[in-house]
Amino acid sequence: MKKINSILLATLSLLIVSCDDIIEEDLTNDNIQTISPNEGAVIEGNTVQFVWQALDGADDYRLQILNTNQSLVVDTLVTTTNFNAVLNPGDYQWRVKGENFAYTTQYTFPINFTMTASDDLTNQNVQLSTPSDNFYTNDTSIILTWSSIASAESYSLDVIKLNGGEETVLQEMDINAVNYTLPASIFDEDAEFVWKVKAVNSTSESSFSERSIFIDRQTPNQPSLVTPLEAEETTALTVTFNWLTGADTGNIQSVTTNTFEISSDSNFGSLLFTEDLQNNSIPITFEDSGTYYWRVRTFDAAGNVGDYSITRSVVIL
């Protein structure tokens, strides 16, 4: 079987750049100064803000929160010097370190703190679980889930459609579970749908926590092949393939990805090379002469898959 190697010119150009050209400040012996919460802090409710001082030369900060079993509850990389977390009642530790492209500091010494339940929901937040924020899908069978708050007696849910305006398409109160199956009928068109949940008890309620769902049922357009032309002959072993992806005409434009395929068989019974990429061009190096066939198909983040382009051949002499 003939072998084909993908040559990504931009990547190769980066690889030949001398390491001496990359200048990053050495953070190895630097220390992060934490601000809050302090050692032994007791925080009522379920929401805590972690704050530390900025460190010169640090591009990002790695924050970790551990429970009493030393299991990671949160492990996140942020560019700011603060982070809000929603935690259940219990004992925790937190630590943070600074990072740049080449160096990291040591983690700060673990700081112990305690979260305690509070009947006052005013400053608490509902932690939404699934779907993730900015979720793209073509499926209207959607189950919302969130984490419970100990002092909550029920939850309220609002769903708002955004499509050139705001329309409340669902309001549900007195939900006693931490999940809710959305009726498919509310998704009457492709649009952004914002779902919001708040906790309620007899004396207080939390603010709404919200996320977005993007319903996209529009199939991506068929790609149009540009170069090489059909049956084009070349003595060059490296050929750059180019194509166009048509504009998305739907209400929601999901991120699209192109599947590029090459075969020695016009029916593509077996693939010599395939790759998913978001640009519309790829250079390929052929190791053997012969006739090769290529085509492209586009799919999007919502799960819609378009038709294959026409098939073209290229002849390596």
Protein backbone atom coordinates (compact mmCIF):
# COMPACT_ATOMS: atom_id res chain seq x y z
CA MET A 1 0.00 0.00 0.00
CA LYS A 2 1.31 3.44 -0.91
CA LYS A 3 2.15 5.67 2.02
CA ILE A 4 1.24 9.33 2.33
CA ASN A 5 2.64 11.82 4.83
CA SER A 6 0.91 15.06 5.82
CA ILE A 7 3.22 18.06 5.83
CA LEU A 8 1.91 20.96 7.84
CA LEU A 9 4.15 23.78 6.69
CA ALA A 10 3.21 26.17 9.43
CA THR A 11 4.03 23.61 12.09
CA LEU A 12 7.38 22.81 10.54
CA SER A 13 8.29 26.45 10.40
CA LEU A 14 7.65 26.72 14.12
CA LEU A 15 9.77 23.67 14.85
CA ILE A 16 12.83 25.17 13.18
CA VAL A 17 12.67 28.34 15.25
CA SER A 18 15.56 28.36 17.68
CA CYS A 19 14.69 27.94 21.33
CA ASP A 20 16.86 31.01 21.93
CA ASP A 21 14.15 33.05 20.18
CA ILE A 22 11.60 32.12 22.87
CA ILE A 23 12.15 34.33 25.91
CA GLU A 24 10.15 33.60 29.03
CA GLU A 25 10.76 34.84 32.55
CA ASP A 26 12.04 32.12 34.87
CA LEU A 27 9.39 31.66 37.59
CA THR A 28 11.01 28.68 39.27
CA ASN A 29 12.01 30.47 42.48
CA ASP A 30 9.05 32.88 42.64
CA ASN A 31 6.13 32.58 45.06
CA ILE A 32 2.45 33.37 44.71
CA GLN A 33 0.94 35.49 47.50
CA THR A 34 -2.58 34.30 48.40
CA ILE A 35 -5.25 36.71 49.64
CA SER A 36 -8.39 34.71 50.45
CA PRO A 37 -9.71 32.50 51.82
CA ASN A 38 -7.17 32.44 54.63
CA GLU A 39 -6.06 29.46 56.70
CA GLY A 40 -8.94 28.19 58.84
CA ALA A 41 -11.60 30.34 57.17
CA VAL A 42 -15.22 29.25 57.68
CA ILE A 43 -17.50 30.21 54.79
CA GLU A 44 -21.28 30.02 55.06
CA GLY A 45 -23.21 28.98 51.99
CA ASN A 46 -21.87 27.20 48.93
CA THR A 47 -19.95 29.87 47.03
CA VAL A 48 -16.36 30.91 47.65
CA GLN A 49 -14.03 33.27 45.78
CA PHE A 50 -10.33 32.47 45.65
CA VAL A 51 -8.04 35.49 45.28
CA TRP A 52 -4.26 35.88 44.95
CA GLN A 53 -1.77 38.53 43.86
CA ALA A 54 -0.60 38.79 40.28
CA LEU A 55 2.93 37.54 39.58
CA ASP A 56 5.13 39.27 37.02
CA GLY A 57 5.94 36.88 34.17
CA ALA A 58 3.02 34.54 34.83
CA ASP A 59 0.59 34.11 31.93
CA ASP A 60 -1.77 31.68 33.71
CA TYR A 61 -2.49 30.29 37.14
CA ARG A 62 -3.22 26.68 38.06
CA LEU A 63 -5.74 26.44 40.91
CA GLN A 64 -6.48 23.20 42.72
CA ILE A 65 -9.08 22.48 45.43
CA LEU A 66 -8.86 19.20 47.35
CA ASN A 67 -11.25 17.53 49.78
CA THR A 68 -10.38 15.74 52.99
CA ASN A 69 -9.50 12.59 51.04
CA GLN A 70 -6.95 14.62 49.04
CA SER A 71 -9.04 14.10 45.92
CA LEU A 72 -9.16 16.92 43.41
CA VAL A 73 -12.49 18.74 43.41
CA VAL A 74 -11.31 21.54 41.11
CA ASP A 75 -8.25 21.62 38.86
CA THR A 76 -8.39 24.60 36.52
CA LEU A 77 -6.15 26.96 34.57
CA VAL A 78 -7.19 30.63 34.64
CA THR A 79 -5.73 33.87 33.30
CA THR A 80 -7.15 36.06 36.11
CA THR A 81 -6.13 36.30 39.78
CA ASN A 82 -9.47 35.12 41.13
CA PHE A 83 -11.83 32.20 40.69
CA ASN A 84 -15.34 31.47 42.00
CA ALA A 85 -16.28 27.93 42.98
CA VAL A 86 -19.48 26.30 44.21
CA LEU A 87 -18.75 23.68 46.88
CA ASN A 88 -20.77 21.41 49.15
CA PRO A 89 -20.44 21.71 52.94
CA GLY A 90 -17.17 20.17 54.15
CA ASP A 91 -13.47 20.72 54.73
CA TYR A 92 -11.16 21.64 51.85
CA GLN A 93 -7.66 22.78 50.92
CA TRP A 94 -6.65 25.08 48.09
CA ARG A 95 -3.40 25.95 46.39
CA VAL A 96 -2.28 27.87 43.32
CA LYS A 97 0.82 28.24 41.15
CA GLY A 98 1.90 30.56 38.33
CA GLU A 99 2.82 29.38 34.84
CA ASN A 100 4.15 30.65 31.55
CA PHE A 101 5.18 28.84 28.38
CA ALA A 102 8.49 27.63 29.82
CA TYR A 103 8.38 27.80 33.62
CA THR A 104 6.13 27.28 36.66
CA THR A 105 6.33 28.27 40.29
CA GLN A 106 5.83 25.80 43.09
CA TYR A 107 2.30 25.45 44.44
CA THR A 108 1.53 27.63 47.43
CA PHE A 109 1.40 25.81 50.77
CA PRO A 110 -2.09 24.20 51.06
CA ILE A 111 -4.61 26.47 52.81
CA ASN A 112 -7.39 24.83 54.82
CA PHE A 113 -10.94 26.20 54.88
CA THR A 114 -14.44 24.97 55.72
CA MET A 115 -17.76 25.36 53.90
CA THR A 116 -20.88 25.29 56.11
CA ALA A 117 -24.52 25.16 55.07
CA SER A 118 -26.65 28.28 55.40
CA ASP A 119 -30.42 28.71 55.28
CA ASP A 120 -29.94 32.04 53.53
CA LEU A 121 -29.80 31.38 49.78
CA THR A 122 -29.21 35.01 48.82
CA ASN A 123 -25.46 34.70 48.21
CA GLN A 124 -25.49 31.07 47.10
CA ASN A 125 -25.40 29.74 43.54
CA VAL A 126 -26.87 26.70 41.82
CA GLN A 127 -24.07 24.73 40.17
CA LEU A 128 -25.29 23.69 36.73
CA SER A 129 -24.03 20.29 35.57
CA THR A 130 -25.25 19.31 32.10
CA PRO A 131 -25.35 20.27 29.32
CA SER A 132 -22.14 22.28 29.35
CA ASP A 133 -22.27 26.00 28.63
CA ASN A 134 -22.51 27.02 24.96
CA PHE A 135 -23.59 23.51 24.02
CA TYR A 136 -24.30 22.96 20.31
CA THR A 137 -26.64 20.15 19.30
CA ASN A 138 -29.15 19.03 16.68
CA ASP A 139 -30.94 16.84 19.24
CA THR A 140 -34.02 18.24 20.99
CA SER A 141 -34.12 15.49 23.63
CA ILE A 142 -32.32 17.42 26.37
CA ILE A 143 -32.17 16.71 30.08
CA LEU A 144 -30.94 19.54 32.33
CA THR A 145 -29.11 18.66 35.55
CA TRP A 146 -27.67 20.66 38.43
CA SER A 147 -26.25 20.11 41.92
CA SER A 148 -28.44 20.32 45.00
CA ILE A 149 -28.18 22.96 47.72
CA ALA A 150 -28.80 21.61 51.22
CA SER A 151 -31.08 24.47 52.30
CA ALA A 152 -33.11 24.61 49.07
CA GLU A 153 -36.72 23.45 49.22
CA SER A 154 -37.30 23.65 45.47
CA TYR A 155 -35.90 25.06 42.24
CA SER A 156 -37.28 27.36 39.56
CA LEU A 157 -36.40 27.04 35.88
CA ASP A 158 -36.71 29.57 33.07
CA VAL A 159 -35.86 28.96 29.40
CA ILE A 160 -35.50 31.96 27.10
CA LYS A 161 -35.18 31.84 23.31
CA LEU A 162 -32.84 34.38 21.72
CA ASN A 163 -33.38 34.92 18.02
CA GLY A 164 -33.52 38.61 17.19
CA GLY A 165 -35.27 39.16 20.53
CA GLU A 166 -36.05 37.48 23.85
CA GLU A 167 -38.96 35.09 24.28
CA THR A 168 -39.62 33.11 27.45
CA VAL A 169 -40.61 29.67 26.19
CA LEU A 170 -40.79 27.84 29.52
CA GLN A 171 -41.21 28.70 33.20
CA GLU A 172 -41.38 25.95 35.78
CA MET A 173 -41.56 26.44 39.56
CA ASP A 174 -41.51 24.10 42.55
CA ILE A 175 -39.18 21.56 40.97
CA ASN A 176 -38.24 19.07 43.69
CA ALA A 177 -35.56 17.23 41.70
CA VAL A 178 -32.15 18.33 40.41
CA ASN A 179 -32.98 17.47 36.80
CA TYR A 180 -35.59 18.42 34.25
CA THR A 181 -36.42 17.05 30.79
CA LEU A 182 -37.12 19.87 28.37
CA PRO A 183 -40.15 19.39 26.11
CA ALA A 184 -39.00 19.14 22.50
CA SER A 185 -41.86 21.42 21.48
CA ILE A 186 -40.08 24.53 22.80
CA PHE A 187 -37.40 24.09 20.11
CA ASP A 188 -39.65 25.30 17.32
CA GLU A 189 -36.71 26.79 15.39
CA ASP A 190 -32.95 26.84 15.45
CA ALA A 191 -31.83 29.44 17.99
CA GLU A 192 -29.92 30.06 21.20
CA PHE A 193 -31.83 28.91 24.28
CA VAL A 194 -30.74 30.20 27.69
CA TRP A 195 -31.72 28.01 30.64
CA LYS A 196 -31.65 29.46 34.14
CA VAL A 197 -32.08 27.76 37.50
CA LYS A 198 -32.42 29.26 40.98
CA ALA A 199 -32.87 27.70 44.43
CA VAL A 200 -35.80 28.68 46.64
CA ASN A 201 -36.83 28.15 50.26
CA SER A 202 -39.44 29.76 52.50
CA THR A 203 -37.27 32.74 53.46
CA SER A 204 -34.91 33.38 50.56
CA GLU A 205 -33.86 32.50 47.04
CA SER A 206 -30.61 32.44 45.12
CA SER A 207 -29.85 34.36 41.97
CA PHE A 208 -30.27 32.53 38.67
CA SER A 209 -27.39 30.48 37.27
CA GLU A 210 -27.53 30.24 33.50
CA ARG A 211 -26.08 28.50 30.46
CA SER A 212 -26.76 28.52 26.73
CA ILE A 213 -27.85 25.73 24.40
CA PHE A 214 -27.57 26.29 20.64
CA ILE A 215 -30.01 24.26 18.55
CA ASP A 216 -28.63 23.84 15.03
CA ARG A 217 -30.31 21.44 12.62
CA GLN A 218 -28.88 22.98 9.45
CA THR A 219 -26.66 20.58 7.48
CA PRO A 220 -23.33 22.10 6.37
CA ASN A 221 -23.09 22.88 2.67
CA GLN A 222 -21.26 20.60 0.28
CA PRO A 223 -17.62 21.70 -0.11
CA SER A 224 -16.42 22.91 -3.50
CA LEU A 225 -13.00 21.64 -4.60
CA VAL A 226 -10.57 24.27 -5.92
CA THR A 227 -7.12 22.83 -6.64
CA PRO A 228 -5.68 20.63 -7.97
CA LEU A 229 -7.97 20.39 -10.98
CA GLU A 230 -9.49 17.09 -12.08
CA ALA A 231 -6.83 14.65 -13.39
CA GLU A 232 -4.13 17.29 -12.98
CA GLU A 233 -0.66 15.85 -13.54
CA THR A 234 2.39 16.87 -11.56
CA THR A 235 5.96 15.74 -11.04
CA ALA A 236 6.02 17.31 -7.57
CA LEU A 237 5.63 14.84 -4.75
CA THR A 238 4.09 17.47 -2.47
CA VAL A 239 0.66 18.70 -3.53
CA THR A 240 -1.42 21.32 -1.73
CA PHE A 241 -5.15 20.60 -1.79
CA ASN A 242 -7.60 23.52 -1.50
CA TRP A 243 -11.38 23.71 -1.29
CA LEU A 244 -14.20 26.06 -0.27
CA THR A 245 -16.87 25.46 2.33
CA GLY A 246 -20.13 27.23 1.58
CA ALA A 247 -21.57 29.76 4.00
CA ASP A 248 -23.95 28.48 6.67
CA THR A 249 -27.39 29.96 6.02
CA GLY A 250 -29.05 28.80 9.25
CA ASN A 251 -29.94 30.84 12.35
CA ILE A 252 -27.07 29.25 14.27
CA GLN A 253 -23.59 28.91 12.78
CA SER A 254 -21.85 26.04 14.56
CA VAL A 255 -18.11 25.66 14.21
CA THR A 256 -17.41 23.45 11.19
CA THR A 257 -14.69 20.89 10.60
CA ASN A 258 -13.60 19.41 7.28
CA THR A 259 -12.85 15.73 6.80
CA PHE A 260 -10.24 15.37 4.05
CA GLU A 261 -9.75 11.93 2.47
CA ILE A 262 -7.38 10.39 -0.09
CA SER A 263 -7.64 6.93 -1.66
CA SER A 264 -6.08 5.01 -4.53
CA ASP A 265 -9.61 3.71 -5.21
CA SER A 266 -12.19 6.01 -6.83
CA ASN A 267 -14.85 4.38 -4.64
CA PHE A 268 -12.81 5.05 -1.48
CA GLY A 269 -13.02 1.42 -0.44
CA SER A 270 -9.89 1.94 1.62
CA LEU A 271 -8.35 5.22 2.72
CA LEU A 272 -4.68 6.03 2.37
CA PHE A 273 -5.04 9.22 4.38
CA THR A 274 -7.73 11.08 6.31
CA GLU A 275 -7.64 14.07 8.61
CA ASP A 276 -10.12 16.39 10.30
CA LEU A 277 -9.16 20.04 10.12
CA GLN A 278 -10.81 23.43 10.39
CA ASN A 279 -8.95 25.18 7.60
CA ASN A 280 -9.55 24.67 3.89
CA SER A 281 -6.11 23.61 2.75
CA ILE A 282 -3.62 20.83 3.41
CA PRO A 283 -0.25 19.90 1.83
CA ILE A 284 0.30 16.19 1.24
CA THR A 285 3.55 14.44 0.27
CA PHE A 286 3.22 11.30 -1.84
CA GLU A 287 5.94 8.67 -1.68
CA ASP A 288 4.94 6.88 -4.90
CA SER A 289 3.73 7.88 -8.33
CA GLY A 290 0.22 6.96 -9.41
CA THR A 291 -3.36 8.21 -9.54
CA TYR A 292 -4.96 9.32 -6.29
CA TYR A 293 -8.52 10.38 -5.52
CA TRP A 294 -9.56 13.03 -3.00
CA ARG A 295 -12.76 14.42 -1.52
CA VAL A 296 -13.93 16.54 1.42
CA ARG A 297 -16.94 16.49 3.72
CA THR A 298 -17.95 19.03 6.38
CA PHE A 299 -19.52 18.41 9.80
CA ASP A 300 -20.32 20.88 12.56
CA ALA A 301 -20.20 21.09 16.35
CA ALA A 302 -23.93 20.34 16.57
CA GLY A 303 -23.48 16.91 14.95
CA ASN A 304 -24.75 17.73 11.47
CA VAL A 305 -22.83 16.02 8.64
CA GLY A 306 -22.88 17.39 5.10
CA ASP A 307 -22.55 15.64 1.76
CA TYR A 308 -19.20 14.71 0.28
CA SER A 309 -17.80 16.98 -2.38
CA ILE A 310 -17.36 15.65 -5.87
CA THR A 311 -14.35 13.36 -6.24
CA ARG A 312 -11.27 14.55 -8.08
CA SER A 313 -8.13 12.72 -9.10
CA VAL A 314 -4.51 13.88 -9.15
CA VAL A 315 -1.77 12.09 -11.08
CA ILE A 316 1.73 11.93 -9.58
CA LEU A 317 4.20 11.28 -12.41
